[in-house]
Amino acid sequence: MNLGTGTGTTAVLADQLLAESGLTYTTLRLPWPNDRPEVNYTLTHRHDQFVGVSGSRRSIADPSLGTNDSLGIDDPTTEGAARPVY
């Protein structure tokens, strides 16, 4: 893989490189963390639109979830917010 071509975003190139490596991996695309006590999130995958802008620290916990995938974890109630929600 030629990473110097400028034909994709860094995240896309990283996903391609990992997929070609044969390694078991999980890419986490995390929002701005907040200290809310609830566990409330939407999972998105490699080609899904990232929904929210913030998510609770308690919502990020399962190490076996998303093996060989790229996950976006966010609080869906923050969708469309102009800035992170604390």
C-alpha atoms as a PDB file:
ATOM      1  CA  MET A   1       0.000   0.000   0.000  1.00  0.00           C
ATOM      2  CA  ASN A   2       1.303   3.436  -0.897  1.00  0.00           C
ATOM      3  CA  LEU A   3       0.352   5.841   1.900  1.00  0.00           C
ATOM      4  CA  GLY A   4       1.859   8.820   0.076  1.00  0.00           C
ATOM      5  CA  THR A   5      -0.726   9.026  -2.701  1.00  0.00           C
ATOM      6  CA  GLY A   6      -3.107  11.395  -0.903  1.00  0.00           C
ATOM      7  CA  THR A   7      -6.115   9.473  -2.214  1.00  0.00           C
ATOM      8  CA  GLY A   8      -7.938   9.041   1.100  1.00  0.00           C
ATOM      9  CA  THR A   9      -8.292  10.261   4.625  1.00  0.00           C
ATOM     10  CA  THR A  10      -5.863   9.101   7.279  1.00  0.00           C
ATOM     11  CA  ALA A  11      -8.595   6.986   8.915  1.00  0.00           C
ATOM     12  CA  VAL A  12      -9.481   5.277   5.629  1.00  0.00           C
ATOM     13  CA  LEU A  13      -5.835   4.572   4.876  1.00  0.00           C
ATOM     14  CA  ALA A  14      -5.284   3.237   8.398  1.00  0.00           C
ATOM     15  CA  ASP A  15      -8.295   0.911   8.040  1.00  0.00           C
ATOM     16  CA  GLN A  16      -6.972  -0.358   4.693  1.00  0.00           C
ATOM     17  CA  LEU A  17      -3.508  -0.957   6.130  1.00  0.00           C
ATOM     18  CA  LEU A  18      -4.923  -2.825   9.133  1.00  0.00           C
ATOM     19  CA  ALA A  19      -7.215  -4.944   6.964  1.00  0.00           C
ATOM     20  CA  GLU A  20      -4.281  -5.937   4.755  1.00  0.00           C
ATOM     21  CA  SER A  21      -2.021  -6.709   7.739  1.00  0.00           C
ATOM     22  CA  GLY A  22      -3.822  -9.868   8.821  1.00  0.00           C
ATOM     23  CA  LEU A  23      -3.914  -8.584  12.404  1.00  0.00           C
ATOM     24  CA  THR A  24      -6.991  -8.758  14.602  1.00  0.00           C
ATOM     25  CA  TYR A  25      -7.893  -5.146  15.339  1.00  0.00           C
ATOM     26  CA  THR A  26     -10.640  -2.781  16.400  1.00  0.00           C
ATOM     27  CA  THR A  27     -10.613   0.887  15.471  1.00  0.00           C
ATOM     28  CA  LEU A  28     -12.554   3.083  17.889  1.00  0.00           C
ATOM     29  CA  ARG A  29     -13.921   6.395  16.663  1.00  0.00           C
ATOM     30  CA  LEU A  30     -14.837   8.056  19.931  1.00  0.00           C
ATOM     31  CA  PRO A  31     -16.769  11.274  20.548  1.00  0.00           C
ATOM     32  CA  TRP A  32     -15.966  13.875  23.172  1.00  0.00           C
ATOM     33  CA  PRO A  33     -16.381  12.002  26.476  1.00  0.00           C
ATOM     34  CA  ASN A  34     -18.747  13.192  29.169  1.00  0.00           C
ATOM     35  CA  ASP A  35     -19.302  12.185  32.796  1.00  0.00           C
ATOM     36  CA  ARG A  36     -23.009  11.404  32.549  1.00  0.00           C
ATOM     37  CA  PRO A  37     -23.928   8.298  34.572  1.00  0.00           C
ATOM     38  CA  GLU A  38     -25.973   6.542  31.859  1.00  0.00           C
ATOM     39  CA  VAL A  39     -24.974   3.929  29.318  1.00  0.00           C
ATOM     40  CA  ASN A  40     -26.539   5.192  26.090  1.00  0.00           C
ATOM     41  CA  TYR A  41     -24.924   4.826  22.696  1.00  0.00           C
ATOM     42  CA  THR A  42     -25.388   4.038  19.041  1.00  0.00           C
ATOM     43  CA  LEU A  43     -22.830   1.888  17.258  1.00  0.00           C
ATOM     44  CA  THR A  44     -21.850   2.771  13.740  1.00  0.00           C
ATOM     45  CA  HIS A  45     -19.527   0.775  11.526  1.00  0.00           C
ATOM     46  CA  ARG A  46     -16.825   1.534   8.994  1.00  0.00           C
ATOM     47  CA  HIS A  47     -19.032   3.060   6.297  1.00  0.00           C
ATOM     48  CA  ASP A  48     -21.817   4.440   8.535  1.00  0.00           C
ATOM     49  CA  GLN A  49     -22.187   8.117   9.316  1.00  0.00           C
ATOM     50  CA  PHE A  50     -20.988   9.063  12.815  1.00  0.00           C
ATOM     51  CA  VAL A  51     -24.139  10.307  14.594  1.00  0.00           C
ATOM     52  CA  GLY A  52     -23.497  12.209  17.836  1.00  0.00           C
ATOM     53  CA  VAL A  53     -20.808  14.521  19.175  1.00  0.00           C
ATOM     54  CA  SER A  54     -20.570  13.303  22.779  1.00  0.00           C
ATOM     55  CA  GLY A  55     -20.840  10.046  24.733  1.00  0.00           C
ATOM     56  CA  SER A  56     -20.504   8.897  28.326  1.00  0.00           C
ATOM     57  CA  ARG A  57     -17.337   7.214  29.522  1.00  0.00           C
ATOM     58  CA  ARG A  58     -19.538   4.427  30.930  1.00  0.00           C
ATOM     59  CA  SER A  59     -20.775   3.609  27.429  1.00  0.00           C
ATOM     60  CA  ILE A  60     -17.337   2.374  26.334  1.00  0.00           C
ATOM     61  CA  ALA A  61     -16.608  -0.984  27.979  1.00  0.00           C
ATOM     62  CA  ASP A  62     -16.714  -4.241  25.931  1.00  0.00           C
ATOM     63  CA  PRO A  63     -13.257  -5.265  24.598  1.00  0.00           C
ATOM     64  CA  SER A  64     -14.637  -8.084  22.417  1.00  0.00           C
ATOM     65  CA  LEU A  65     -17.129  -5.874  20.597  1.00  0.00           C
ATOM     66  CA  GLY A  66     -16.165  -4.871  17.075  1.00  0.00           C
ATOM     67  CA  THR A  67     -13.240  -7.144  16.316  1.00  0.00           C
ATOM     68  CA  ASN A  68     -11.796  -6.229  12.880  1.00  0.00           C
ATOM     69  CA  ASP A  69     -14.217  -3.326  12.506  1.00  0.00           C
ATOM     70  CA  SER A  70     -14.226   0.443  12.864  1.00  0.00           C
ATOM     71  CA  LEU A  71     -16.795   1.514  15.449  1.00  0.00           C
ATOM     72  CA  GLY A  72     -18.257   4.918  16.182  1.00  0.00           C
ATOM     73  CA  ILE A  73     -19.693   5.154  19.688  1.00  0.00           C
ATOM     74  CA  ASP A  74     -21.747   8.215  20.583  1.00  0.00           C
ATOM     75  CA  ASP A  75     -24.847   9.333  22.461  1.00  0.00           C
ATOM     76  CA  PRO A  76     -27.616   9.583  19.839  1.00  0.00           C
ATOM     77  CA  THR A  77     -29.368  12.337  21.803  1.00  0.00           C
ATOM     78  CA  THR A  78     -26.450  14.662  20.964  1.00  0.00           C
ATOM     79  CA  GLU A  79     -26.993  14.374  17.201  1.00  0.00           C
ATOM     80  CA  GLY A  80     -26.790  17.738  15.491  1.00  0.00           C
ATOM     81  CA  ALA A  81     -25.416  19.521  18.558  1.00  0.00           C
ATOM     82  CA  ALA A  82     -23.068  22.346  17.649  1.00  0.00           C
ATOM     83  CA  ARG A  83     -20.463  21.390  20.253  1.00  0.00           C
ATOM     84  CA  PRO A  84     -19.654  18.626  22.727  1.00  0.00           C
ATOM     85  CA  VAL A  85     -22.182  18.083  25.515  1.00  0.00           C
ATOM     86  CA  TYR A  86     -20.630  17.848  29.011  1.00  0.00           C
END
